[in-house]
Amino acid sequence: MDGNTNTIEAIRQWFRTCPLLSGKRVGANYIGEKPTQFAVIASPSSIITRENVLGEEVPAELQQLNYSFAATDNYGADIAVNASVQKLYDDIVQWILEQNAAKIFPVISLGKVRSITPTLTAYPSQVGADTAVYRIQLKIIYRRF
């Protein structure tokens, strides 16, 4: 990936390096209704500003982006299935933490990524009779170029 790759594509490609997702399709801002589908989804993020010496509001050097990693997966009355699915997403959270500790980050055009951390553990956010959308919310801190 080069520095001209847009942010969601860079994050999507980064997730594709996760061994738990090997050979799986990871979408961008779209997730289907059938199991098992994965996607990186943008969430609203505030632009952090500071006041410069002239009293003007300008973007701060460090910025934050919010994304979620989401997946439609099996869900229902079967305890073993629910536990197995939850373990997968807990393991993905662990992979994210390991990448963060090793400083292995996507290359984004906005700046240099400093950290990617889960802000919430994996959870089923939308529950149906036989499927649920699981989410892992992420905070990405980057230094602007």
C-alpha atoms as a PDB file:
ATOM      1  CA  MET A   1       0.000   0.000   0.000  1.00  0.00           C
ATOM      2  CA  ASP A   2       1.266   3.440  -0.827  1.00  0.00           C
ATOM      3  CA  GLY A   3       0.511   6.711   0.941  1.00  0.00           C
ATOM      4  CA  ASN A   4      -2.093   7.590  -1.709  1.00  0.00           C
ATOM      5  CA  THR A   5      -4.447   4.789  -0.669  1.00  0.00           C
ATOM      6  CA  ASN A   6      -7.592   6.207   0.931  1.00  0.00           C
ATOM      7  CA  THR A   7      -7.998   5.553   4.622  1.00  0.00           C
ATOM      8  CA  ILE A   8     -10.798   2.980   4.577  1.00  0.00           C
ATOM      9  CA  GLU A   9      -9.022   0.981   1.857  1.00  0.00           C
ATOM     10  CA  ALA A  10      -5.765   1.059   3.829  1.00  0.00           C
ATOM     11  CA  ILE A  11      -7.532  -0.173   6.978  1.00  0.00           C
ATOM     12  CA  ARG A  12      -9.391  -2.827   4.993  1.00  0.00           C
ATOM     13  CA  GLN A  13      -6.123  -4.104   3.512  1.00  0.00           C
ATOM     14  CA  TRP A  14      -4.532  -4.072   6.989  1.00  0.00           C
ATOM     15  CA  PHE A  15      -7.354  -6.282   8.321  1.00  0.00           C
ATOM     16  CA  ARG A  16      -6.817  -8.652   5.400  1.00  0.00           C
ATOM     17  CA  THR A  17      -3.361  -9.437   6.875  1.00  0.00           C
ATOM     18  CA  CYS A  18      -5.039 -10.908   9.968  1.00  0.00           C
ATOM     19  CA  PRO A  19      -4.552 -14.708   9.881  1.00  0.00           C
ATOM     20  CA  LEU A  20      -8.065 -15.166  11.312  1.00  0.00           C
ATOM     21  CA  LEU A  21      -9.478 -13.567   8.159  1.00  0.00           C
ATOM     22  CA  SER A  22      -7.264 -15.428   5.691  1.00  0.00           C
ATOM     23  CA  GLY A  23      -9.072 -15.858   2.380  1.00  0.00           C
ATOM     24  CA  LYS A  24     -12.116 -13.921   3.597  1.00  0.00           C
ATOM     25  CA  ARG A  25     -13.588 -10.897   1.843  1.00  0.00           C
ATOM     26  CA  VAL A  26     -13.426  -7.689   3.880  1.00  0.00           C
ATOM     27  CA  GLY A  27     -15.722  -4.981   2.529  1.00  0.00           C
ATOM     28  CA  ALA A  28     -15.772  -1.213   2.965  1.00  0.00           C
ATOM     29  CA  ASN A  29     -18.802   0.541   4.515  1.00  0.00           C
ATOM     30  CA  TYR A  30     -21.126  -2.304   3.532  1.00  0.00           C
ATOM     31  CA  ILE A  31     -22.004  -5.566   5.181  1.00  0.00           C
ATOM     32  CA  GLY A  32     -24.484  -8.090   3.825  1.00  0.00           C
ATOM     33  CA  GLU A  33     -27.195  -9.945   5.707  1.00  0.00           C
ATOM     34  CA  LYS A  34     -25.886 -13.506   5.338  1.00  0.00           C
ATOM     35  CA  PRO A  35     -23.105 -15.018   7.461  1.00  0.00           C
ATOM     36  CA  THR A  36     -20.136 -14.692   7.355  1.00  0.00           C
ATOM     37  CA  GLN A  37     -19.335 -11.271   5.903  1.00  0.00           C
ATOM     38  CA  PHE A  38     -16.793  -8.763   7.182  1.00  0.00           C
ATOM     39  CA  ALA A  39     -16.405  -5.005   6.651  1.00  0.00           C
ATOM     40  CA  VAL A  40     -14.577  -1.924   7.838  1.00  0.00           C
ATOM     41  CA  ILE A  41     -17.124   0.819   8.519  1.00  0.00           C
ATOM     42  CA  ALA A  42     -16.363   4.514   8.996  1.00  0.00           C
ATOM     43  CA  SER A  43     -17.827   6.245  12.050  1.00  0.00           C
ATOM     44  CA  PRO A  44     -18.107   9.978  12.697  1.00  0.00           C
ATOM     45  CA  SER A  45     -14.856  11.498  13.932  1.00  0.00           C
ATOM     46  CA  SER A  46     -14.292  15.002  15.238  1.00  0.00           C
ATOM     47  CA  ILE A  47     -11.542  17.124  13.736  1.00  0.00           C
ATOM     48  CA  ILE A  48      -9.306  18.171  16.614  1.00  0.00           C
ATOM     49  CA  THR A  49      -8.244  21.806  16.458  1.00  0.00           C
ATOM     50  CA  ARG A  50      -5.928  24.094  18.362  1.00  0.00           C
ATOM     51  CA  GLU A  51      -5.370  27.807  18.444  1.00  0.00           C
ATOM     52  CA  ASN A  52      -2.224  29.037  16.682  1.00  0.00           C
ATOM     53  CA  VAL A  53      -0.146  32.086  17.668  1.00  0.00           C
ATOM     54  CA  LEU A  54      -2.411  34.317  15.554  1.00  0.00           C
ATOM     55  CA  GLY A  55      -5.490  33.130  17.456  1.00  0.00           C
ATOM     56  CA  GLU A  56      -6.800  31.106  14.516  1.00  0.00           C
ATOM     57  CA  GLU A  57      -8.337  27.643  14.902  1.00  0.00           C
ATOM     58  CA  VAL A  58      -6.229  25.157  12.929  1.00  0.00           C
ATOM     59  CA  PRO A  59      -6.173  21.350  12.796  1.00  0.00           C
ATOM     60  CA  ALA A  60      -4.059  19.843  15.570  1.00  0.00           C
ATOM     61  CA  GLU A  61      -1.025  17.743  14.691  1.00  0.00           C
ATOM     62  CA  LEU A  62      -2.552  14.603  16.244  1.00  0.00           C
ATOM     63  CA  GLN A  63      -5.941  13.540  14.953  1.00  0.00           C
ATOM     64  CA  GLN A  64      -8.328  10.676  15.708  1.00  0.00           C
ATOM     65  CA  LEU A  65     -10.420   8.552  13.364  1.00  0.00           C
ATOM     66  CA  ASN A  66     -13.202   6.213  14.424  1.00  0.00           C
ATOM     67  CA  TYR A  67     -14.001   3.027  12.553  1.00  0.00           C
ATOM     68  CA  SER A  68     -15.569  -0.277  13.365  1.00  0.00           C
ATOM     69  CA  PHE A  69     -14.772  -3.741  12.151  1.00  0.00           C
ATOM     70  CA  ALA A  70     -18.116  -5.452  11.639  1.00  0.00           C
ATOM     71  CA  ALA A  71     -19.310  -8.869  10.589  1.00  0.00           C
ATOM     72  CA  THR A  72     -22.600 -10.605   9.992  1.00  0.00           C
ATOM     73  CA  ASP A  73     -22.335 -14.000  11.626  1.00  0.00           C
ATOM     74  CA  ASN A  74     -24.372 -16.875  12.997  1.00  0.00           C
ATOM     75  CA  TYR A  75     -26.412 -16.215  16.118  1.00  0.00           C
ATOM     76  CA  GLY A  76     -29.237 -17.943  17.933  1.00  0.00           C
ATOM     77  CA  ALA A  77     -30.203 -20.348  20.678  1.00  0.00           C
ATOM     78  CA  ASP A  78     -27.183 -22.648  20.160  1.00  0.00           C
ATOM     79  CA  ILE A  79     -24.795 -21.779  22.990  1.00  0.00           C
ATOM     80  CA  ALA A  80     -21.791 -23.475  21.350  1.00  0.00           C
ATOM     81  CA  VAL A  81     -22.252 -21.489  18.104  1.00  0.00           C
ATOM     82  CA  ASN A  82     -22.580 -18.189  19.971  1.00  0.00           C
ATOM     83  CA  ALA A  83     -19.506 -18.940  22.092  1.00  0.00           C
ATOM     84  CA  SER A  84     -17.470 -19.940  19.030  1.00  0.00           C
ATOM     85  CA  VAL A  85     -18.452 -16.809  17.112  1.00  0.00           C
ATOM     86  CA  GLN A  86     -17.710 -14.579  20.111  1.00  0.00           C
ATOM     87  CA  LYS A  87     -14.282 -16.213  20.487  1.00  0.00           C
ATOM     88  CA  LEU A  88     -13.429 -15.361  16.862  1.00  0.00           C
ATOM     89  CA  TYR A  89     -14.115 -11.670  17.474  1.00  0.00           C
ATOM     90  CA  ASP A  90     -12.304 -11.719  20.814  1.00  0.00           C
ATOM     91  CA  ASP A  91      -9.313 -13.227  18.961  1.00  0.00           C
ATOM     92  CA  ILE A  92      -9.507 -10.451  16.345  1.00  0.00           C
ATOM     93  CA  VAL A  93      -9.394  -7.882  19.188  1.00  0.00           C
ATOM     94  CA  GLN A  94      -6.268  -9.638  20.474  1.00  0.00           C
ATOM     95  CA  TRP A  95      -4.710  -9.478  16.988  1.00  0.00           C
ATOM     96  CA  ILE A  96      -5.419  -5.729  16.837  1.00  0.00           C
ATOM     97  CA  LEU A  97      -3.725  -5.254  20.221  1.00  0.00           C
ATOM     98  CA  GLU A  98      -0.713  -7.294  19.044  1.00  0.00           C
ATOM     99  CA  GLN A  99      -0.413  -5.194  15.866  1.00  0.00           C
ATOM    100  CA  ASN A 100      -0.609  -2.048  17.967  1.00  0.00           C
ATOM    101  CA  ALA A 101       2.135  -3.269  20.326  1.00  0.00           C
ATOM    102  CA  ALA A 102       4.343  -4.204  17.343  1.00  0.00           C
ATOM    103  CA  LYS A 103       3.542  -0.843  15.654  1.00  0.00           C
ATOM    104  CA  ILE A 104       2.296  -2.571  12.487  1.00  0.00           C
ATOM    105  CA  PHE A 105      -0.158  -0.093  11.023  1.00  0.00           C
ATOM    106  CA  PRO A 106      -1.786   0.720   7.689  1.00  0.00           C
ATOM    107  CA  VAL A 107      -0.265   3.514   5.608  1.00  0.00           C
ATOM    108  CA  ILE A 108      -2.841   6.275   5.167  1.00  0.00           C
ATOM    109  CA  SER A 109      -2.672   9.418   3.040  1.00  0.00           C
ATOM    110  CA  LEU A 110      -3.735  11.681   5.928  1.00  0.00           C
ATOM    111  CA  GLY A 111      -0.629  11.077   8.016  1.00  0.00           C
ATOM    112  CA  LYS A 112       1.352   8.508   9.993  1.00  0.00           C
ATOM    113  CA  VAL A 113      -0.715   6.139  12.139  1.00  0.00           C
ATOM    114  CA  ARG A 114       0.482   6.120  15.766  1.00  0.00           C
ATOM    115  CA  SER A 115      -1.989   3.623  17.235  1.00  0.00           C
ATOM    116  CA  ILE A 116      -5.058   1.538  16.492  1.00  0.00           C
ATOM    117  CA  THR A 117      -6.917   0.428  19.587  1.00  0.00           C
ATOM    118  CA  PRO A 118     -10.288  -1.155  20.213  1.00  0.00           C
ATOM    119  CA  THR A 119     -12.509   1.206  22.219  1.00  0.00           C
ATOM    120  CA  LEU A 120     -15.125  -1.459  22.912  1.00  0.00           C
ATOM    121  CA  THR A 121     -14.810  -5.220  23.036  1.00  0.00           C
ATOM    122  CA  ALA A 122     -16.533  -7.296  20.345  1.00  0.00           C
ATOM    123  CA  TYR A 123     -20.293  -7.398  20.780  1.00  0.00           C
ATOM    124  CA  PRO A 124     -23.427  -8.310  18.792  1.00  0.00           C
ATOM    125  CA  SER A 125     -24.846  -4.884  17.880  1.00  0.00           C
ATOM    126  CA  GLN A 126     -27.805  -5.943  15.726  1.00  0.00           C
ATOM    127  CA  VAL A 127     -29.449  -9.224  16.601  1.00  0.00           C
ATOM    128  CA  GLY A 128     -31.852 -11.219  14.438  1.00  0.00           C
ATOM    129  CA  ALA A 129     -33.382 -14.670  14.755  1.00  0.00           C
ATOM    130  CA  ASP A 130     -30.399 -16.493  13.240  1.00  0.00           C
ATOM    131  CA  THR A 131     -27.748 -13.835  12.531  1.00  0.00           C
ATOM    132  CA  ALA A 132     -26.189 -10.888  14.317  1.00  0.00           C
ATOM    133  CA  VAL A 133     -23.891  -8.056  13.320  1.00  0.00           C
ATOM    134  CA  TYR A 134     -20.849  -8.124  15.565  1.00  0.00           C
ATOM    135  CA  ARG A 135     -18.784  -4.956  15.968  1.00  0.00           C
ATOM    136  CA  ILE A 136     -15.373  -4.015  17.253  1.00  0.00           C
ATOM    137  CA  GLN A 137     -15.081  -0.247  17.588  1.00  0.00           C
ATOM    138  CA  LEU A 138     -11.679   1.246  16.839  1.00  0.00           C
ATOM    139  CA  LYS A 139      -9.836   4.465  17.582  1.00  0.00           C
ATOM    140  CA  ILE A 140      -7.024   5.378  15.203  1.00  0.00           C
ATOM    141  CA  ILE A 141      -4.590   8.093  16.251  1.00  0.00           C
ATOM    142  CA  TYR A 142      -2.421   9.595  13.518  1.00  0.00           C
ATOM    143  CA  ARG A 143       0.020  12.454  13.097  1.00  0.00           C
ATOM    144  CA  ARG A 144      -0.939  14.726  10.220  1.00  0.00           C
ATOM    145  CA  PHE A 145       1.573  15.161   7.372  1.00  0.00           C
END
